[in-house]
Full PDB file with SEQRES, HELIX, SHEET, SSBOND, CRYST1, ORIGX, SCALE, CONECT and MASTER records, all heavy atoms in Angstrom:
SEQRES   1 A   30  VAL PRO CYS VAL LEU THR LEU ASN GLN ASP GLY THR VAL          
SEQRES   2 A   30  TRP VAL THR ALA VAL LYS ALA VAL ARG ALA LEU ALA LEU          
SEQRES   3 A   30  GLY GLN PHE ALA                                              
SHEET    1 AA1 2 CYS A   3  LEU A   7  0                                        
SHEET    2 AA1 2 VAL A  13  ALA A  17 -1                                        
CRYST1    1.000    1.000    1.000  90.00  90.00  90.00 P 1           1          
ORIGX1      1.000000  0.000000  0.000000        0.00000                         
ORIGX2      0.000000  1.000000  0.000000        0.00000                         
ORIGX3      0.000000  0.000000  1.000000        0.00000                         
SCALE1      1.000000  0.000000  0.000000        0.00000                         
SCALE2      0.000000  1.000000  0.000000        0.00000                         
SCALE3      0.000000  0.000000  1.000000        0.00000                         
ATOM      1  N   VAL A   1      93.438 173.636 293.706  1.00  0.00           N  
ATOM      2  CA  VAL A   1      92.875 172.468 292.862  1.00  0.00           C  
ATOM      3  C   VAL A   1      93.891 171.370 292.910  1.00  0.00           C  
ATOM      4  O   VAL A   1      95.022 171.498 292.418  1.00  0.00           O  
ATOM      5  CB  VAL A   1      92.508 172.916 291.435  1.00  0.00           C  
ATOM      6  CG1 VAL A   1      91.985 171.796 290.612  1.00  0.00           C  
ATOM      7  CG2 VAL A   1      91.564 174.123 291.483  1.00  0.00           C  
ATOM      8  N   PRO A   2      93.508 170.206 293.365  1.00  0.00           N  
ATOM      9  CA  PRO A   2      94.382 169.065 293.243  1.00  0.00           C  
ATOM     10  C   PRO A   2      94.687 168.705 291.781  1.00  0.00           C  
ATOM     11  O   PRO A   2      93.812 168.781 290.964  1.00  0.00           O  
ATOM     12  CB  PRO A   2      93.663 167.897 293.963  1.00  0.00           C  
ATOM     13  CG  PRO A   2      92.593 168.603 294.845  1.00  0.00           C  
ATOM     14  CD  PRO A   2      92.286 169.847 294.115  1.00  0.00           C  
ATOM     15  N   CYS A   3      95.903 168.365 291.554  1.00  0.00           N  
ATOM     16  CA  CYS A   3      96.308 168.040 290.202  1.00  0.00           C  
ATOM     17  C   CYS A   3      97.453 167.097 290.109  1.00  0.00           C  
ATOM     18  O   CYS A   3      98.106 166.793 291.157  1.00  0.00           O  
ATOM     19  CB  CYS A   3      96.606 169.320 289.380  1.00  0.00           C  
ATOM     20  SG  CYS A   3      98.128 170.168 289.952  1.00  0.00           S  
ATOM     21  N   VAL A   4      97.793 166.651 288.850  1.00  0.00           N  
ATOM     22  CA  VAL A   4      99.024 165.858 288.690  1.00  0.00           C  
ATOM     23  C   VAL A   4      99.795 166.607 287.617  1.00  0.00           C  
ATOM     24  O   VAL A   4      99.332 166.917 286.514  1.00  0.00           O  
ATOM     25  CB  VAL A   4      98.595 164.462 288.193  1.00  0.00           C  
ATOM     26  CG1 VAL A   4      99.888 163.633 287.833  1.00  0.00           C  
ATOM     27  CG2 VAL A   4      97.810 163.627 289.173  1.00  0.00           C  
ATOM     28  N   LEU A   5     101.097 166.772 287.863  1.00  0.00           N  
ATOM     29  CA  LEU A   5     102.032 167.386 286.858  1.00  0.00           C  
ATOM     30  C   LEU A   5     102.786 166.294 286.123  1.00  0.00           C  
ATOM     31  O   LEU A   5     103.219 165.327 286.779  1.00  0.00           O  
ATOM     32  CB  LEU A   5     103.010 168.213 287.596  1.00  0.00           C  
ATOM     33  CG  LEU A   5     102.499 169.522 288.446  1.00  0.00           C  
ATOM     34  CD1 LEU A   5     103.663 170.290 288.935  1.00  0.00           C  
ATOM     35  CD2 LEU A   5     101.513 170.318 287.721  1.00  0.00           C  
ATOM     36  N   THR A   6     102.849 166.525 284.936  1.00  0.00           N  
ATOM     37  CA  THR A   6     103.775 165.640 284.037  1.00  0.00           C  
ATOM     38  C   THR A   6     104.872 166.510 283.416  1.00  0.00           C  
ATOM     39  O   THR A   6     104.472 167.395 282.711  1.00  0.00           O  
ATOM     40  CB  THR A   6     102.935 165.002 282.924  1.00  0.00           C  
ATOM     41  OG1 THR A   6     101.810 164.214 283.573  1.00  0.00           O  
ATOM     42  CG2 THR A   6     103.824 164.048 282.094  1.00  0.00           C  
ATOM     43  N   LEU A   7     106.105 166.227 283.645  1.00  0.00           N  
ATOM     44  CA  LEU A   7     107.178 167.107 283.354  1.00  0.00           C  
ATOM     45  C   LEU A   7     107.657 166.670 281.930  1.00  0.00           C  
ATOM     46  O   LEU A   7     107.937 165.520 281.664  1.00  0.00           O  
ATOM     47  CB  LEU A   7     108.396 166.972 284.285  1.00  0.00           C  
ATOM     48  CG  LEU A   7     109.630 167.779 284.051  1.00  0.00           C  
ATOM     49  CD1 LEU A   7     109.327 169.261 284.129  1.00  0.00           C  
ATOM     50  CD2 LEU A   7     110.786 167.400 285.035  1.00  0.00           C  
ATOM     51  N   ASN A   8     107.739 167.691 281.062  1.00  0.00           N  
ATOM     52  CA  ASN A   8     108.300 167.419 279.688  1.00  0.00           C  
ATOM     53  C   ASN A   8     109.766 167.746 279.606  1.00  0.00           C  
ATOM     54  O   ASN A   8     110.307 168.408 280.467  1.00  0.00           O  
ATOM     55  CB  ASN A   8     107.482 168.338 278.750  1.00  0.00           C  
ATOM     56  CG  ASN A   8     106.010 168.032 278.644  1.00  0.00           C  
ATOM     57  OD1 ASN A   8     105.583 166.887 278.522  1.00  0.00           O  
ATOM     58  ND2 ASN A   8     105.232 169.131 278.877  1.00  0.00           N  
ATOM     59  N   GLN A   9     110.442 167.300 278.582  1.00  0.00           N  
ATOM     60  CA  GLN A   9     111.799 167.380 278.469  1.00  0.00           C  
ATOM     61  C   GLN A   9     112.267 168.856 278.378  1.00  0.00           C  
ATOM     62  O   GLN A   9     113.353 169.249 278.782  1.00  0.00           O  
ATOM     63  CB  GLN A   9     112.285 166.720 277.097  1.00  0.00           C  
ATOM     64  CG  GLN A   9     113.846 166.647 277.008  1.00  0.00           C  
ATOM     65  CD  GLN A   9     114.188 165.805 275.735  1.00  0.00           C  
ATOM     66  OE1 GLN A   9     113.289 165.384 275.052  1.00  0.00           O  
ATOM     67  NE2 GLN A   9     115.463 165.621 275.511  1.00  0.00           N  
ATOM     68  N   ASP A  10     111.396 169.698 277.784  1.00  0.00           N  
ATOM     69  CA  ASP A  10     111.778 171.222 277.682  1.00  0.00           C  
ATOM     70  C   ASP A  10     111.532 172.002 278.923  1.00  0.00           C  
ATOM     71  O   ASP A  10     111.602 173.206 278.862  1.00  0.00           O  
ATOM     72  CB  ASP A  10     111.094 171.762 276.474  1.00  0.00           C  
ATOM     73  CG  ASP A  10     109.554 171.665 276.562  1.00  0.00           C  
ATOM     74  OD1 ASP A  10     109.095 171.131 277.524  1.00  0.00           O  
ATOM     75  OD2 ASP A  10     108.917 172.063 275.572  1.00  0.00           O  
ATOM     76  N   GLY A  11     111.054 171.422 280.024  1.00  0.00           N  
ATOM     77  CA  GLY A  11     110.767 172.081 281.234  1.00  0.00           C  
ATOM     78  C   GLY A  11     109.447 172.551 281.354  1.00  0.00           C  
ATOM     79  O   GLY A  11     108.989 173.048 282.368  1.00  0.00           O  
ATOM     80  N   THR A  12     108.543 172.319 280.340  1.00  0.00           N  
ATOM     81  CA  THR A  12     107.131 172.690 280.423  1.00  0.00           C  
ATOM     82  C   THR A  12     106.494 171.573 281.187  1.00  0.00           C  
ATOM     83  O   THR A  12     107.041 170.470 281.414  1.00  0.00           O  
ATOM     84  CB  THR A  12     106.514 172.827 279.051  1.00  0.00           C  
ATOM     85  OG1 THR A  12     106.539 171.605 278.406  1.00  0.00           O  
ATOM     86  CG2 THR A  12     107.282 173.885 278.233  1.00  0.00           C  
ATOM     87  N   VAL A  13     105.255 171.817 281.622  1.00  0.00           N  
ATOM     88  CA  VAL A  13     104.492 170.726 282.259  1.00  0.00           C  
ATOM     89  C   VAL A  13     103.128 170.647 281.787  1.00  0.00           C  
ATOM     90  O   VAL A  13     102.529 171.678 281.367  1.00  0.00           O  
ATOM     91  CB  VAL A  13     104.411 170.909 283.807  1.00  0.00           C  
ATOM     92  CG1 VAL A  13     105.812 170.837 284.481  1.00  0.00           C  
ATOM     93  CG2 VAL A  13     103.690 172.186 284.257  1.00  0.00           C  
ATOM     94  N   TRP A  14     102.561 169.427 281.794  1.00  0.00           N  
ATOM     95  CA  TRP A  14     101.076 169.158 281.600  1.00  0.00           C  
ATOM     96  C   TRP A  14     100.475 169.212 282.985  1.00  0.00           C  
ATOM     97  O   TRP A  14     101.098 168.558 283.881  1.00  0.00           O  
ATOM     98  CB  TRP A  14     100.800 167.941 280.796  1.00  0.00           C  
ATOM     99  CG  TRP A  14     100.973 167.982 279.333  1.00  0.00           C  
ATOM    100  CD1 TRP A  14     102.091 167.678 278.620  1.00  0.00           C  
ATOM    101  CD2 TRP A  14     100.061 168.540 278.406  1.00  0.00           C  
ATOM    102  NE1 TRP A  14     101.902 167.916 277.300  1.00  0.00           N  
ATOM    103  CE2 TRP A  14     100.660 168.472 277.129  1.00  0.00           C  
ATOM    104  CE3 TRP A  14      98.838 169.085 278.507  1.00  0.00           C  
ATOM    105  CZ2 TRP A  14     100.015 168.855 275.974  1.00  0.00           C  
ATOM    106  CZ3 TRP A  14      98.128 169.503 277.377  1.00  0.00           C  
ATOM    107  CH2 TRP A  14      98.687 169.344 276.142  1.00  0.00           C  
ATOM    108  N   VAL A  15      99.366 169.803 283.179  1.00  0.00           N  
ATOM    109  CA  VAL A  15      98.649 169.792 284.360  1.00  0.00           C  
ATOM    110  C   VAL A  15      97.330 169.189 284.158  1.00  0.00           C  
ATOM    111  O   VAL A  15      96.558 169.553 283.388  1.00  0.00           O  
ATOM    112  CB  VAL A  15      98.532 171.283 284.938  1.00  0.00           C  
ATOM    113  CG1 VAL A  15      97.738 171.236 286.291  1.00  0.00           C  
ATOM    114  CG2 VAL A  15      99.794 172.017 285.023  1.00  0.00           C  
ATOM    115  N   THR A  16      97.050 168.076 284.913  1.00  0.00           N  
ATOM    116  CA  THR A  16      95.858 167.391 284.799  1.00  0.00           C  
ATOM    117  C   THR A  16      95.008 167.545 286.170  1.00  0.00           C  
ATOM    118  O   THR A  16      95.492 167.070 287.146  1.00  0.00           O  
ATOM    119  CB  THR A  16      95.991 165.864 284.531  1.00  0.00           C  
ATOM    120  OG1 THR A  16      96.710 165.733 283.295  1.00  0.00           O  
ATOM    121  CG2 THR A  16      94.631 165.197 284.432  1.00  0.00           C  
ATOM    122  N   ALA A  17      94.015 168.323 286.150  1.00  0.00           N  
ATOM    123  CA  ALA A  17      93.199 168.589 287.312  1.00  0.00           C  
ATOM    124  C   ALA A  17      92.344 167.322 287.724  1.00  0.00           C  
ATOM    125  O   ALA A  17      91.874 166.662 286.853  1.00  0.00           O  
ATOM    126  CB  ALA A  17      92.396 169.721 287.162  1.00  0.00           C  
ATOM    127  N   VAL A  18      92.322 167.097 289.008  1.00  0.00           N  
ATOM    128  CA  VAL A  18      91.444 165.963 289.422  1.00  0.00           C  
ATOM    129  C   VAL A  18      90.039 166.200 289.097  1.00  0.00           C  
ATOM    130  O   VAL A  18      89.286 165.254 288.677  1.00  0.00           O  
ATOM    131  CB  VAL A  18      91.616 165.753 290.977  1.00  0.00           C  
ATOM    132  CG1 VAL A  18      90.630 164.729 291.480  1.00  0.00           C  
ATOM    133  CG2 VAL A  18      93.047 165.400 291.293  1.00  0.00           C  
ATOM    134  N   LYS A  19      89.644 167.420 289.115  1.00  0.00           N  
ATOM    135  CA  LYS A  19      88.229 167.863 288.705  1.00  0.00           C  
ATOM    136  C   LYS A  19      88.322 168.983 287.779  1.00  0.00           C  
ATOM    137  O   LYS A  19      89.114 169.877 287.955  1.00  0.00           O  
ATOM    138  CB  LYS A  19      87.428 168.137 289.949  1.00  0.00           C  
ATOM    139  CG  LYS A  19      85.933 168.490 289.728  1.00  0.00           C  
ATOM    140  CD  LYS A  19      85.236 168.712 290.920  1.00  0.00           C  
ATOM    141  CE  LYS A  19      83.721 169.108 290.764  1.00  0.00           C  
ATOM    142  NZ  LYS A  19      82.978 169.375 292.008  1.00  0.00           N  
ATOM    143  N   ALA A  20      87.513 169.004 286.773  1.00  0.00           N  
ATOM    144  CA  ALA A  20      87.484 170.127 285.755  1.00  0.00           C  
ATOM    145  C   ALA A  20      87.249 171.453 286.474  1.00  0.00           C  
ATOM    146  O   ALA A  20      86.387 171.530 287.386  1.00  0.00           O  
ATOM    147  CB  ALA A  20      86.395 169.838 284.723  1.00  0.00           C  
ATOM    148  N   VAL A  21      87.940 172.416 286.074  1.00  0.00           N  
ATOM    149  CA  VAL A  21      87.767 173.772 286.581  1.00  0.00           C  
ATOM    150  C   VAL A  21      87.247 174.750 285.645  1.00  0.00           C  
ATOM    151  O   VAL A  21      87.391 174.671 284.437  1.00  0.00           O  
ATOM    152  CB  VAL A  21      89.184 174.277 287.181  1.00  0.00           C  
ATOM    153  CG1 VAL A  21      89.557 173.474 288.342  1.00  0.00           C  
ATOM    154  CG2 VAL A  21      90.226 174.311 286.125  1.00  0.00           C  
ATOM    155  N   ARG A  22      86.588 175.836 286.081  1.00  0.00           N  
ATOM    156  CA  ARG A  22      85.969 176.836 285.287  1.00  0.00           C  
ATOM    157  C   ARG A  22      86.879 177.900 284.755  1.00  0.00           C  
ATOM    158  O   ARG A  22      87.651 178.437 285.456  1.00  0.00           O  
ATOM    159  CB  ARG A  22      84.784 177.465 286.028  1.00  0.00           C  
ATOM    160  CG  ARG A  22      83.940 178.426 285.149  1.00  0.00           C  
ATOM    161  CD  ARG A  22      82.801 179.062 286.044  1.00  0.00           C  
ATOM    162  NE  ARG A  22      81.951 179.884 285.213  1.00  0.00           N  
ATOM    163  CZ  ARG A  22      82.284 181.147 284.810  1.00  0.00           C  
ATOM    164  NH1 ARG A  22      83.428 181.713 285.307  1.00  0.00           N  
ATOM    165  NH2 ARG A  22      81.349 181.883 284.065  1.00  0.00           N  
ATOM    166  N   ALA A  23      86.805 178.273 283.505  1.00  0.00           N  
ATOM    167  CA  ALA A  23      87.328 179.430 282.926  1.00  0.00           C  
ATOM    168  C   ALA A  23      88.870 179.531 282.987  1.00  0.00           C  
ATOM    169  O   ALA A  23      89.480 180.531 283.117  1.00  0.00           O  
ATOM    170  CB  ALA A  23      86.764 180.687 283.625  1.00  0.00           C  
ATOM    171  N   LEU A  24      89.505 178.427 282.677  1.00  0.00           N  
ATOM    172  CA  LEU A  24      90.926 178.412 282.319  1.00  0.00           C  
ATOM    173  C   LEU A  24      91.163 179.271 281.055  1.00  0.00           C  
ATOM    174  O   LEU A  24      90.380 179.145 280.202  1.00  0.00           O  
ATOM    175  CB  LEU A  24      91.437 176.955 282.188  1.00  0.00           C  
ATOM    176  CG  LEU A  24      91.692 176.139 283.392  1.00  0.00           C  
ATOM    177  CD1 LEU A  24      91.946 174.727 282.978  1.00  0.00           C  
ATOM    178  CD2 LEU A  24      92.930 176.591 284.123  1.00  0.00           C  
ATOM    179  N   ALA A  25      92.179 180.041 281.017  1.00  0.00           N  
ATOM    180  CA  ALA A  25      92.431 180.887 279.834  1.00  0.00           C  
ATOM    181  C   ALA A  25      93.841 180.972 279.498  1.00  0.00           C  
ATOM    182  O   ALA A  25      94.686 180.892 280.415  1.00  0.00           O  
ATOM    183  CB  ALA A  25      91.816 182.239 280.100  1.00  0.00           C  
ATOM    184  N   LEU A  26      94.171 181.008 278.244  1.00  0.00           N  
ATOM    185  CA  LEU A  26      95.543 181.158 277.763  1.00  0.00           C  
ATOM    186  C   LEU A  26      96.122 182.439 278.303  1.00  0.00           C  
ATOM    187  O   LEU A  26      95.448 183.528 278.409  1.00  0.00           O  
ATOM    188  CB  LEU A  26      95.575 181.162 276.276  1.00  0.00           C  
ATOM    189  CG  LEU A  26      95.063 179.928 275.543  1.00  0.00           C  
ATOM    190  CD1 LEU A  26      95.074 180.189 274.078  1.00  0.00           C  
ATOM    191  CD2 LEU A  26      95.870 178.782 275.895  1.00  0.00           C  
ATOM    192  N   GLY A  27      97.299 182.437 278.778  1.00  0.00           N  
ATOM    193  CA  GLY A  27      98.005 183.608 279.333  1.00  0.00           C  
ATOM    194  C   GLY A  27      97.933 183.729 280.816  1.00  0.00           C  
ATOM    195  O   GLY A  27      98.751 184.535 281.403  1.00  0.00           O  
ATOM    196  N   GLN A  28      96.988 183.079 281.486  1.00  0.00           N  
ATOM    197  CA  GLN A  28      96.984 183.080 282.907  1.00  0.00           C  
ATOM    198  C   GLN A  28      98.162 182.287 283.424  1.00  0.00           C  
ATOM    199  O   GLN A  28      98.775 181.529 282.691  1.00  0.00           O  
ATOM    200  CB  GLN A  28      95.670 182.450 283.472  1.00  0.00           C  
ATOM    201  CG  GLN A  28      94.454 183.296 283.162  1.00  0.00           C  
ATOM    202  CD  GLN A  28      93.140 182.504 283.595  1.00  0.00           C  
ATOM    203  OE1 GLN A  28      93.043 181.282 283.379  1.00  0.00           O  
ATOM    204  NE2 GLN A  28      92.248 183.174 284.186  1.00  0.00           N  
ATOM    205  N   PHE A  29      98.488 182.504 284.689  1.00  0.00           N  
ATOM    206  CA  PHE A  29      99.642 181.783 285.300  1.00  0.00           C  
ATOM    207  C   PHE A  29      99.136 180.775 286.250  1.00  0.00           C  
ATOM    208  O   PHE A  29      98.357 181.014 287.138  1.00  0.00           O  
ATOM    209  CB  PHE A  29     100.607 182.754 285.917  1.00  0.00           C  
ATOM    210  CG  PHE A  29     101.508 183.462 285.065  1.00  0.00           C  
ATOM    211  CD1 PHE A  29     100.991 184.538 284.365  1.00  0.00           C  
ATOM    212  CD2 PHE A  29     102.785 183.114 284.843  1.00  0.00           C  
ATOM    213  CE1 PHE A  29     101.842 185.214 283.459  1.00  0.00           C  
ATOM    214  CE2 PHE A  29     103.622 183.777 284.011  1.00  0.00           C  
ATOM    215  CZ  PHE A  29     103.142 184.835 283.300  1.00  0.00           C  
ATOM    216  N   ALA A  30      99.536 179.491 286.025  1.00  0.00           N  
ATOM    217  CA  ALA A  30      99.196 178.443 286.941  1.00  0.00           C  
ATOM    218  C   ALA A  30     100.279 178.408 287.997  1.00  0.00           C  
ATOM    219  O   ALA A  30     101.481 178.291 287.720  1.00  0.00           O  
ATOM    220  CB  ALA A  30      99.185 177.086 286.190  1.00  0.00           C  
TER     221      ALA A  30                                                      
MASTER        0    0    0    0    2    0    0    6  220    1    0    3          
END                                                                             
């Protein structure tokens, strides 16, 4: 899935998908 990563100061990232994806769930690994 094409996406854009935004890096946070603590090393976490926000992931913005170009197109909405089905059934994202907490605890899965991106």
